[in-house]
PDB file of all heavy atoms in Angstrom:
ATOM      1  N   ILE A   1      61.881 -19.046  32.310  1.00  0.00           N
ATOM      2  CA  ILE A   1      61.675 -19.646  33.623  1.00  0.00           C
ATOM      3  C   ILE A   1      61.340 -18.592  34.680  1.00  0.00           C
ATOM      4  O   ILE A   1      60.544 -18.841  35.583  1.00  0.00           O
ATOM      5  CB  ILE A   1      62.923 -20.455  34.044  1.00  0.00           C
ATOM      6  CG1 ILE A   1      63.163 -21.579  33.028  1.00  0.00           C
ATOM      7  CG2 ILE A   1      62.768 -21.020  35.448  1.00  0.00           C
ATOM      8  CD1 ILE A   1      64.409 -22.380  33.296  1.00  0.00           C
ATOM      9  N   GLY A   2      61.919 -17.408  34.583  1.00  0.00           N
ATOM     10  CA  GLY A   2      61.668 -16.349  35.562  1.00  0.00           C
ATOM     11  C   GLY A   2      60.316 -15.688  35.375  1.00  0.00           C
ATOM     12  O   GLY A   2      59.395 -16.235  34.741  1.00  0.00           O
ATOM     13  N   GLN A   3      60.195 -14.460  35.884  1.00  0.00           N
ATOM     14  CA  GLN A   3      58.937 -13.715  35.799  1.00  0.00           C
ATOM     15  C   GLN A   3      58.536 -13.395  34.357  1.00  0.00           C
ATOM     16  O   GLN A   3      57.354 -13.139  34.090  1.00  0.00           O
ATOM     17  CB  GLN A   3      59.059 -12.419  36.598  1.00  0.00           C
ATOM     18  CG  GLN A   3      59.192 -12.611  38.101  1.00  0.00           C
ATOM     19  CD  GLN A   3      57.954 -13.246  38.707  1.00  0.00           C
ATOM     20  OE1 GLN A   3      56.828 -12.946  38.313  1.00  0.00           O
ATOM     21  NE2 GLN A   3      58.166 -14.136  39.663  1.00  0.00           N
ATOM     22  N   PHE A   4      59.493 -13.454  33.459  1.00  0.00           N
ATOM     23  CA  PHE A   4      59.189 -13.130  32.060  1.00  0.00           C
ATOM     24  C   PHE A   4      58.207 -14.141  31.460  1.00  0.00           C
ATOM     25  O   PHE A   4      57.526 -13.837  30.475  1.00  0.00           O
ATOM     26  CB  PHE A   4      60.474 -13.091  31.240  1.00  0.00           C
ATOM     27  CG  PHE A   4      60.364 -12.310  29.967  1.00  0.00           C
ATOM     28  CD1 PHE A   4      60.389 -10.926  29.969  1.00  0.00           C
ATOM     29  CD2 PHE A   4      60.235 -12.959  28.740  1.00  0.00           C
ATOM     30  CE1 PHE A   4      60.285 -10.196  28.785  1.00  0.00           C
ATOM     31  CE2 PHE A   4      60.139 -12.239  27.557  1.00  0.00           C
ATOM     32  CZ  PHE A   4      60.156 -10.858  27.579  1.00  0.00           C
ATOM     33  N   ARG A   5      58.118 -15.342  32.055  1.00  0.00           N
ATOM     34  CA  ARG A   5      57.195 -16.349  31.524  1.00  0.00           C
ATOM     35  C   ARG A   5      55.744 -15.923  31.723  1.00  0.00           C
ATOM     36  O   ARG A   5      54.839 -16.423  31.026  1.00  0.00           O
ATOM     37  CB  ARG A   5      57.428 -17.701  32.189  1.00  0.00           C
ATOM     38  CG  ARG A   5      56.936 -17.803  33.621  1.00  0.00           C
ATOM     39  CD  ARG A   5      57.276 -19.168  34.220  1.00  0.00           C
ATOM     40  NE  ARG A   5      56.666 -19.385  35.524  1.00  0.00           N
ATOM     41  CZ  ARG A   5      57.155 -18.950  36.660  1.00  0.00           C
ATOM     42  NH1 ARG A   5      58.284 -18.233  36.673  1.00  0.00           N
ATOM     43  NH2 ARG A   5      56.530 -19.205  37.811  1.00  0.00           N
ATOM     44  N   HIS A   6      55.485 -14.999  32.676  1.00  0.00           N
ATOM     45  CA  HIS A   6      54.129 -14.492  32.888  1.00  0.00           C
ATOM     46  C   HIS A   6      53.794 -13.373  31.902  1.00  0.00           C
ATOM     47  O   HIS A   6      52.646 -12.904  31.870  1.00  0.00           O
ATOM     48  CB  HIS A   6      53.971 -13.969  34.317  1.00  0.00           C
ATOM     49  CG  HIS A   6      54.201 -15.024  35.357  1.00  0.00           C
ATOM     50  ND1 HIS A   6      53.486 -16.191  35.417  1.00  0.00           N
ATOM     51  CD2 HIS A   6      55.099 -15.081  36.389  1.00  0.00           C
ATOM     52  CE1 HIS A   6      53.899 -16.938  36.428  1.00  0.00           C
ATOM     53  NE2 HIS A   6      54.882 -16.282  37.043  1.00  0.00           N
ATOM     54  N   LEU A   7      54.797 -12.960  31.138  1.00  0.00           N
ATOM     55  CA  LEU A   7      54.586 -11.934  30.112  1.00  0.00           C
ATOM     56  C   LEU A   7      54.488 -12.540  28.722  1.00  0.00           C
ATOM     57  O   LEU A   7      53.612 -12.171  27.940  1.00  0.00           O
ATOM     58  CB  LEU A   7      55.731 -10.922  30.148  1.00  0.00           C
ATOM     59  CG  LEU A   7      55.787  -9.919  28.980  1.00  0.00           C
ATOM     60  CD1 LEU A   7      54.619  -8.938  29.080  1.00  0.00           C
ATOM     61  CD2 LEU A   7      57.121  -9.180  28.957  1.00  0.00           C
ATOM     62  N   ALA A   8      55.400 -13.492  28.405  1.00  0.00           N
ATOM     63  CA  ALA A   8      55.512 -14.000  27.045  1.00  0.00           C
ATOM     64  C   ALA A   8      55.500 -15.523  27.019  1.00  0.00           C
ATOM     65  O   ALA A   8      56.086 -16.175  27.894  1.00  0.00           O
ATOM     66  CB  ALA A   8      56.801 -13.491  26.408  1.00  0.00           C
ATOM     67  N   PRO A   9      54.853 -16.131  26.032  1.00  0.00           N
ATOM     68  CA  PRO A   9      54.903 -17.590  25.856  1.00  0.00           C
ATOM     69  C   PRO A   9      56.241 -17.992  25.243  1.00  0.00           C
ATOM     70  O   PRO A   9      57.013 -17.134  24.801  1.00  0.00           O
ATOM     71  CB  PRO A   9      53.742 -17.843  24.892  1.00  0.00           C
ATOM     72  CG  PRO A   9      53.672 -16.603  24.067  1.00  0.00           C
ATOM     73  CD  PRO A   9      54.022 -15.472  25.000  1.00  0.00           C
ATOM     74  N   PRO A  10      56.562 -19.297  25.210  1.00  0.00           N
ATOM     75  CA  PRO A  10      57.786 -19.740  24.552  1.00  0.00           C
ATOM     76  C   PRO A  10      57.893 -19.197  23.128  1.00  0.00           C
ATOM     77  O   PRO A  10      56.902 -19.098  22.404  1.00  0.00           O
ATOM     78  CB  PRO A  10      57.658 -21.272  24.559  1.00  0.00           C
ATOM     79  CG  PRO A  10      56.822 -21.553  25.772  1.00  0.00           C
ATOM     80  CD  PRO A  10      55.841 -20.419  25.837  1.00  0.00           C
ATOM     81  N   ALA A  11      59.112 -18.836  22.746  1.00  0.00           N
ATOM     82  CA  ALA A  11      59.341 -18.154  21.465  1.00  0.00           C
ATOM     83  C   ALA A  11      59.851 -19.120  20.402  1.00  0.00           C
ATOM     84  O   ALA A  11      60.531 -20.106  20.717  1.00  0.00           O
ATOM     85  CB  ALA A  11      60.357 -17.026  21.661  1.00  0.00           C
ATOM     86  N   TYR A  12      59.502 -18.832  19.151  1.00  0.00           N
ATOM     87  CA  TYR A  12      60.158 -19.500  18.031  1.00  0.00           C
ATOM     88  C   TYR A  12      61.614 -19.029  18.012  1.00  0.00           C
ATOM     89  O   TYR A  12      61.880 -17.839  18.111  1.00  0.00           O
ATOM     90  CB  TYR A  12      59.460 -19.159  16.717  1.00  0.00           C
ATOM     91  CG  TYR A  12      58.018 -19.592  16.672  1.00  0.00           C
ATOM     92  CD1 TYR A  12      56.986 -18.666  16.829  1.00  0.00           C
ATOM     93  CD2 TYR A  12      57.681 -20.925  16.474  1.00  0.00           C
ATOM     94  CE1 TYR A  12      55.657 -19.061  16.789  1.00  0.00           C
ATOM     95  CE2 TYR A  12      56.352 -21.335  16.427  1.00  0.00           C
ATOM     96  CZ  TYR A  12      55.351 -20.398  16.583  1.00  0.00           C
ATOM     97  OH  TYR A  12      54.038 -20.793  16.549  1.00  0.00           O
ATOM     98  N   PHE A  13      62.529 -19.964  17.834  1.00  0.00           N
ATOM     99  CA  PHE A  13      63.941 -19.668  18.077  1.00  0.00           C
ATOM    100  C   PHE A  13      64.804 -20.152  16.920  1.00  0.00           C
ATOM    101  O   PHE A  13      64.638 -21.269  16.421  1.00  0.00           O
ATOM    102  CB  PHE A  13      64.369 -20.356  19.384  1.00  0.00           C
ATOM    103  CG  PHE A  13      65.826 -20.214  19.727  1.00  0.00           C
ATOM    104  CD1 PHE A  13      66.359 -18.985  20.077  1.00  0.00           C
ATOM    105  CD2 PHE A  13      66.663 -21.321  19.705  1.00  0.00           C
ATOM    106  CE1 PHE A  13      67.701 -18.866  20.407  1.00  0.00           C
ATOM    107  CE2 PHE A  13      67.998 -21.216  20.040  1.00  0.00           C
ATOM    108  CZ  PHE A  13      68.516 -19.988  20.391  1.00  0.00           C
ATOM    109  N   MET A  14      65.743 -19.294  16.484  1.00  0.00           N
ATOM    110  CA  MET A  14      66.726 -19.659  15.457  1.00  0.00           C
ATOM    111  C   MET A  14      68.116 -19.277  15.960  1.00  0.00           C
ATOM    112  O   MET A  14      68.296 -18.199  16.538  1.00  0.00           O
ATOM    113  CB  MET A  14      66.436 -18.959  14.126  1.00  0.00           C
ATOM    114  CG  MET A  14      65.146 -19.377  13.471  1.00  0.00           C
ATOM    115  SD  MET A  14      64.917 -18.608  11.835  1.00  0.00           S
ATOM    116  CE  MET A  14      66.278 -19.364  10.940  1.00  0.00           C
ATOM    117  N   HIS A  15      69.063 -20.171  15.711  1.00  0.00           N
ATOM    118  CA  HIS A  15      70.434 -19.979  16.196  1.00  0.00           C
ATOM    119  C   HIS A  15      71.402 -20.259  15.060  1.00  0.00           C
ATOM    120  O   HIS A  15      71.289 -21.267  14.363  1.00  0.00           O
ATOM    121  CB  HIS A  15      70.702 -20.923  17.361  1.00  0.00           C
ATOM    122  CG  HIS A  15      72.104 -20.894  17.871  1.00  0.00           C
ATOM    123  ND1 HIS A  15      72.547 -19.934  18.757  1.00  0.00           N
ATOM    124  CD2 HIS A  15      73.172 -21.687  17.618  1.00  0.00           C
ATOM    125  CE1 HIS A  15      73.827 -20.155  19.036  1.00  0.00           C
ATOM    126  NE2 HIS A  15      74.220 -21.220  18.355  1.00  0.00           N
ATOM    127  N   GLY A  16      72.362 -19.362  14.838  1.00  0.00           N
ATOM    128  CA  GLY A  16      73.407 -19.557  13.838  1.00  0.00           C
ATOM    129  C   GLY A  16      74.774 -19.467  14.489  1.00  0.00           C
ATOM    130  O   GLY A  16      74.985 -18.654  15.397  1.00  0.00           O
ATOM    131  N   GLN A  17      75.700 -20.285  14.005  1.00  0.00           N
ATOM    132  CA  GLN A  17      77.018 -20.354  14.637  1.00  0.00           C
ATOM    133  C   GLN A  17      78.095 -20.599  13.582  1.00  0.00           C
ATOM    134  O   GLN A  17      77.938 -21.427  12.695  1.00  0.00           O
ATOM    135  CB  GLN A  17      77.008 -21.491  15.666  1.00  0.00           C
ATOM    136  CG  GLN A  17      78.246 -21.583  16.519  1.00  0.00           C
ATOM    137  CD  GLN A  17      78.023 -22.510  17.714  1.00  0.00           C
ATOM    138  OE1 GLN A  17      77.114 -22.298  18.527  1.00  0.00           O
ATOM    139  NE2 GLN A  17      78.845 -23.543  17.818  1.00  0.00           N
ATOM    140  N   VAL A  18      79.188 -19.859  13.695  1.00  0.00           N
ATOM    141  CA  VAL A  18      80.361 -20.040  12.833  1.00  0.00           C
ATOM    142  C   VAL A  18      81.551 -20.308  13.742  1.00  0.00           C
ATOM    143  O   VAL A  18      81.843 -19.506  14.637  1.00  0.00           O
ATOM    144  CB  VAL A  18      80.638 -18.793  11.969  1.00  0.00           C
ATOM    145  CG1 VAL A  18      81.863 -19.027  11.091  1.00  0.00           C
ATOM    146  CG2 VAL A  18      79.430 -18.455  11.109  1.00  0.00           C
ATOM    147  N   GLY A  19      82.215 -21.434  13.529  1.00  0.00           N
ATOM    148  CA  GLY A  19      83.318 -21.789  14.406  1.00  0.00           C
ATOM    149  C   GLY A  19      84.523 -22.298  13.648  1.00  0.00           C
ATOM    150  O   GLY A  19      84.460 -22.578  12.443  1.00  0.00           O
ATOM    151  N   TYR A  20      85.621 -22.424  14.369  1.00  0.00           N
ATOM    152  CA  TYR A  20      86.830 -23.011  13.793  1.00  0.00           C
ATOM    153  C   TYR A  20      87.378 -24.034  14.780  1.00  0.00           C
ATOM    154  O   TYR A  20      87.591 -23.721  15.962  1.00  0.00           O
ATOM    155  CB  TYR A  20      87.890 -21.952  13.503  1.00  0.00           C
ATOM    156  CG  TYR A  20      89.061 -22.514  12.723  1.00  0.00           C
ATOM    157  CD1 TYR A  20      88.988 -22.627  11.333  1.00  0.00           C
ATOM    158  CD2 TYR A  20      90.199 -22.966  13.375  1.00  0.00           C
ATOM    159  CE1 TYR A  20      90.032 -23.161  10.608  1.00  0.00           C
ATOM    160  CE2 TYR A  20      91.253 -23.504  12.650  1.00  0.00           C
ATOM    161  CZ  TYR A  20      91.168 -23.599  11.266  1.00  0.00           C
ATOM    162  OH  TYR A  20      92.200 -24.142  10.559  1.00  0.00           O
ATOM    163  N   GLU A  21      87.582 -25.251  14.297  1.00  0.00           N
ATOM    164  CA  GLU A  21      88.081 -26.336  15.135  1.00  0.00           C
ATOM    165  C   GLU A  21      89.601 -26.259  15.212  1.00  0.00           C
ATOM    166  O   GLU A  21      90.306 -26.685  14.302  1.00  0.00           O
ATOM    167  CB  GLU A  21      87.609 -27.673  14.581  1.00  0.00           C
ATOM    168  CG  GLU A  21      86.097 -27.833  14.712  1.00  0.00           C
ATOM    169  CD  GLU A  21      85.557 -28.974  13.899  1.00  0.00           C
ATOM    170  OE1 GLU A  21      86.083 -29.206  12.786  1.00  0.00           O
ATOM    171  OE2 GLU A  21      84.615 -29.636  14.364  1.00  0.00           O
ATOM    172  N   VAL A  22      90.091 -25.690  16.278  1.00  0.00           N
ATOM    173  CA  VAL A  22      91.529 -25.581  16.482  1.00  0.00           C
ATOM    174  C   VAL A  22      92.146 -26.961  16.668  1.00  0.00           C
ATOM    175  O   VAL A  22      93.246 -27.253  16.183  1.00  0.00           O
ATOM    176  CB  VAL A  22      91.823 -24.686  17.699  1.00  0.00           C
ATOM    177  CG1 VAL A  22      93.321 -24.507  17.888  1.00  0.00           C
ATOM    178  CG2 VAL A  22      91.149 -23.325  17.543  1.00  0.00           C
ATOM    179  N   LEU A  23      91.435 -27.821  17.379  1.00  0.00           N
ATOM    180  CA  LEU A  23      91.805 -29.212  17.604  1.00  0.00           C
ATOM    181  C   LEU A  23      90.578 -30.080  17.327  1.00  0.00           C
ATOM    182  O   LEU A  23      89.449 -29.561  17.289  1.00  0.00           O
ATOM    183  CB  LEU A  23      92.281 -29.415  19.044  1.00  0.00           C
ATOM    184  CG  LEU A  23      93.544 -28.639  19.459  1.00  0.00           C
ATOM    185  CD1 LEU A  23      93.751 -28.761  20.973  1.00  0.00           C
ATOM    186  CD2 LEU A  23      94.771 -29.126  18.713  1.00  0.00           C
ATOM    187  N   PRO A  24      90.749 -31.393  17.121  1.00  0.00           N
ATOM    188  CA  PRO A  24      89.580 -32.234  16.875  1.00  0.00           C
ATOM    189  C   PRO A  24      88.527 -32.147  17.972  1.00  0.00           C
ATOM    190  O   PRO A  24      87.346 -32.390  17.718  1.00  0.00           O
ATOM    191  CB  PRO A  24      90.183 -33.646  16.784  1.00  0.00           C
ATOM    192  CG  PRO A  24      91.588 -33.431  16.339  1.00  0.00           C
ATOM    193  CD  PRO A  24      92.012 -32.146  16.981  1.00  0.00           C
ATOM    194  N   TRP A  25      88.914 -31.786  19.195  1.00  0.00           N
ATOM    195  CA  TRP A  25      87.968 -31.732  20.317  1.00  0.00           C
ATOM    196  C   TRP A  25      87.721 -30.314  20.822  1.00  0.00           C
ATOM    197  O   TRP A  25      86.974 -30.138  21.791  1.00  0.00           O
ATOM    198  CB  TRP A  25      88.502 -32.582  21.473  1.00  0.00           C
ATOM    199  CG  TRP A  25      89.925 -32.261  21.850  1.00  0.00           C
ATOM    200  CD1 TRP A  25      91.050 -32.837  21.348  1.00  0.00           C
ATOM    201  CD2 TRP A  25      90.370 -31.260  22.779  1.00  0.00           C
ATOM    202  NE1 TRP A  25      92.180 -32.281  21.903  1.00  0.00           N
ATOM    203  CE2 TRP A  25      91.793 -31.314  22.800  1.00  0.00           C
ATOM    204  CE3 TRP A  25      89.720 -30.346  23.607  1.00  0.00           C
ATOM    205  CZ2 TRP A  25      92.548 -30.465  23.599  1.00  0.00           C
ATOM    206  CZ3 TRP A  25      90.483 -29.509  24.409  1.00  0.00           C
ATOM    207  CH2 TRP A  25      91.876 -29.575  24.403  1.00  0.00           C
ATOM    208  N   LEU A  26      88.306 -29.303  20.185  1.00  0.00           N
ATOM    209  CA  LEU A  26      88.192 -27.920  20.666  1.00  0.00           C
ATOM    210  C   LEU A  26      87.790 -26.984  19.530  1.00  0.00           C
ATOM    211  O   LEU A  26      88.445 -26.936  18.493  1.00  0.00           O
ATOM    212  CB  LEU A  26      89.529 -27.465  21.254  1.00  0.00           C
ATOM    213  CG  LEU A  26      89.611 -25.993  21.701  1.00  0.00           C
ATOM    214  CD1 LEU A  26      88.619 -25.724  22.831  1.00  0.00           C
ATOM    215  CD2 LEU A  26      91.031 -25.646  22.124  1.00  0.00           C
ATOM    216  N   GLN A  27      86.694 -26.236  19.742  1.00  0.00           N
ATOM    217  CA  GLN A  27      86.198 -25.297  18.729  1.00  0.00           C
ATOM    218  C   GLN A  27      85.951 -23.932  19.373  1.00  0.00           C
ATOM    219  O   GLN A  27      85.355 -23.834  20.450  1.00  0.00           O
ATOM    220  CB  GLN A  27      84.897 -25.807  18.112  1.00  0.00           C
ATOM    221  CG  GLN A  27      84.328 -24.876  17.044  1.00  0.00           C
ATOM    222  CD  GLN A  27      82.957 -25.313  16.564  1.00  0.00           C
ATOM    223  OE1 GLN A  27      82.082 -24.477  16.299  1.00  0.00           O
ATOM    224  NE2 GLN A  27      82.734 -26.612  16.455  1.00  0.00           N
ATOM    225  N   LEU A  28      86.407 -22.873  18.706  1.00  0.00           N
ATOM    226  CA  LEU A  28      86.083 -21.500  19.075  1.00  0.00           C
ATOM    227  C   LEU A  28      85.027 -20.997  18.100  1.00  0.00           C
ATOM    228  O   LEU A  28      85.113 -21.250  16.904  1.00  0.00           O
ATOM    229  CB  LEU A  28      87.337 -20.617  19.004  1.00  0.00           C
ATOM    230  CG  LEU A  28      88.552 -21.086  19.808  1.00  0.00           C
ATOM    231  CD1 LEU A  28      89.718 -20.135  19.599  1.00  0.00           C
ATOM    232  CD2 LEU A  28      88.210 -21.206  21.296  1.00  0.00           C
ATOM    233  N   PHE A  29      84.013 -20.264  18.597  1.00  0.00           N
ATOM    234  CA  PHE A  29      82.911 -19.902  17.715  1.00  0.00           C
ATOM    235  C   PHE A  29      82.333 -18.535  18.059  1.00  0.00           C
ATOM    236  O   PHE A  29      82.480 -18.020  19.171  1.00  0.00           O
ATOM    237  CB  PHE A  29      81.807 -20.957  17.788  1.00  0.00           C
ATOM    238  CG  PHE A  29      81.143 -21.074  19.135  1.00  0.00           C
ATOM    239  CD1 PHE A  29      80.084 -20.240  19.484  1.00  0.00           C
ATOM    240  CD2 PHE A  29      81.571 -22.004  20.056  1.00  0.00           C
ATOM    241  CE1 PHE A  29      79.473 -20.332  20.722  1.00  0.00           C
ATOM    242  CE2 PHE A  29      80.965 -22.104  21.307  1.00  0.00           C
ATOM    243  CZ  PHE A  29      79.915 -21.264  21.629  1.00  0.00           C
ATOM    244  N   GLY A  30      81.639 -17.972  17.069  1.00  0.00           N
ATOM    245  CA  GLY A  30      80.787 -16.809  17.249  1.00  0.00           C
ATOM    246  C   GLY A  30      79.370 -17.203  16.887  1.00  0.00           C
ATOM    247  O   GLY A  30      79.153 -18.100  16.060  1.00  0.00           O
ATOM    248  N   GLU A  31      78.382 -16.554  17.481  1.00  0.00           N
ATOM    249  CA  GLU A  31      76.996 -16.977  17.304  1.00  0.00           C
ATOM    250  C   GLU A  31      76.050 -15.785  17.236  1.00  0.00           C
ATOM    251  O   GLU A  31      76.386 -14.668  17.647  1.00  0.00           O
ATOM    252  CB  GLU A  31      76.572 -17.887  18.456  1.00  0.00           C
ATOM    253  CG  GLU A  31      76.639 -17.207  19.822  1.00  0.00           C
ATOM    254  CD  GLU A  31      76.258 -18.131  20.956  1.00  0.00           C
ATOM    255  OE1 GLU A  31      75.807 -19.263  20.681  1.00  0.00           O
ATOM    256  OE2 GLU A  31      76.407 -17.725  22.127  1.00  0.00           O
ATOM    257  N   ALA A  32      74.854 -16.049  16.711  1.00  0.00           N
ATOM    258  CA  ALA A  32      73.782 -15.054  16.662  1.00  0.00           C
ATOM    259  C   ALA A  32      72.457 -15.766  16.884  1.00  0.00           C
ATOM    260  O   ALA A  32      72.264 -16.903  16.438  1.00  0.00           O
ATOM    261  CB  ALA A  32      73.773 -14.328  15.323  1.00  0.00           C
ATOM    262  N   ASP A  33      71.542 -15.102  17.602  1.00  0.00           N
ATOM    263  CA  ASP A  33      70.234 -15.673  17.926  1.00  0.00           C
ATOM    264  C   ASP A  33      69.119 -14.752  17.454  1.00  0.00           C
ATOM    265  O   ASP A  33      69.262 -13.525  17.439  1.00  0.00           O
ATOM    266  CB  ASP A  33      70.086 -15.869  19.443  1.00  0.00           C
ATOM    267  CG  ASP A  33      71.092 -16.847  20.002  1.00  0.00           C
ATOM    268  OD1 ASP A  33      71.383 -17.843  19.336  1.00  0.00           O
ATOM    269  OD2 ASP A  33      71.587 -16.596  21.131  1.00  0.00           O
ATOM    270  N   MET A  34      67.989 -15.365  17.097  1.00  0.00           N
ATOM    271  CA  MET A  34      66.785 -14.624  16.755  1.00  0.00           C
ATOM    272  C   MET A  34      65.590 -15.404  17.294  1.00  0.00           C
ATOM    273  O   MET A  34      65.517 -16.624  17.138  1.00  0.00           O
ATOM    274  CB  MET A  34      66.651 -14.443  15.243  1.00  0.00           C
ATOM    275  CG  MET A  34      65.389 -13.714  14.814  1.00  0.00           C
ATOM    276  SD  MET A  34      65.375 -11.971  15.305  1.00  0.00           S
ATOM    277  CE  MET A  34      66.592 -11.298  14.175  1.00  0.00           C
ATOM    278  N   ALA A  35      64.649 -14.695  17.938  1.00  0.00           N
ATOM    279  CA  ALA A  35      63.453 -15.338  18.479  1.00  0.00           C
ATOM    280  C   ALA A  35      62.250 -14.421  18.267  1.00  0.00           C
ATOM    281  O   ALA A  35      62.399 -13.204  18.096  1.00  0.00           O
ATOM    282  CB  ALA A  35      63.635 -15.648  19.970  1.00  0.00           C
ATOM    283  N   LEU A  36      61.061 -15.013  18.310  1.00  0.00           N
ATOM    284  CA  LEU A  36      59.828 -14.250  18.112  1.00  0.00           C
ATOM    285  C   LEU A  36      58.785 -14.710  19.120  1.00  0.00           C
ATOM    286  O   LEU A  36      58.446 -15.889  19.195  1.00  0.00           O
ATOM    287  CB  LEU A  36      59.285 -14.440  16.694  1.00  0.00           C
ATOM    288  CG  LEU A  36      57.988 -13.685  16.369  1.00  0.00           C
ATOM    289  CD1 LEU A  36      58.208 -12.178  16.426  1.00  0.00           C
ATOM    290  CD2 LEU A  36      57.471 -14.088  14.989  1.00  0.00           C
ATOM    291  N   THR A  37      58.285 -13.761  19.928  1.00  0.00           N
ATOM    292  CA  THR A  37      57.251 -14.066  20.911  1.00  0.00           C
ATOM    293  C   THR A  37      56.292 -12.881  21.013  1.00  0.00           C
ATOM    294  O   THR A  37      56.269 -12.023  20.115  1.00  0.00           O
ATOM    295  CB  THR A  37      57.895 -14.399  22.283  1.00  0.00           C
ATOM    296  OG1 THR A  37      56.877 -14.820  23.180  1.00  0.00           O
ATOM    297  CG2 THR A  37      58.641 -13.210  22.856  1.00  0.00           C
ATOM    298  N   SER A  38      55.509 -12.789  22.095  1.00  0.00           N
ATOM    299  CA  SER A  38      54.533 -11.705  22.235  1.00  0.00           C
ATOM    300  C   SER A  38      54.240 -11.486  23.715  1.00  0.00           C
ATOM    301  O   SER A  38      54.708 -12.229  24.581  1.00  0.00           O
ATOM    302  CB  SER A  38      53.240 -12.043  21.487  1.00  0.00           C
ATOM    303  OG  SER A  38      52.559 -13.105  22.145  1.00  0.00           O
ATOM    304  N   THR A  39      53.426 -10.493  23.995  1.00  0.00           N
ATOM    305  CA  THR A  39      53.020 -10.189  25.371  1.00  0.00           C
ATOM    306  C   THR A  39      51.662 -10.817  25.703  1.00  0.00           C
ATOM    307  O   THR A  39      50.946 -10.339  26.573  1.00  0.00           O
ATOM    308  CB  THR A  39      52.945  -8.658  25.569  1.00  0.00           C
ATOM    309  OG1 THR A  39      51.985  -8.110  24.640  1.00  0.00           O
ATOM    310  CG2 THR A  39      54.289  -8.010  25.333  1.00  0.00           C
TER     311      THR A  39
END
């Protein structure tokens, strides 16, 4: 959305997440992201 949009087009995006549901409505998690774009 910022000035970076004038540099790079929308990127292909992948997201991975590992979590543990402490309660039926509450989850704590760790995550990792990977994207690919260009100038």
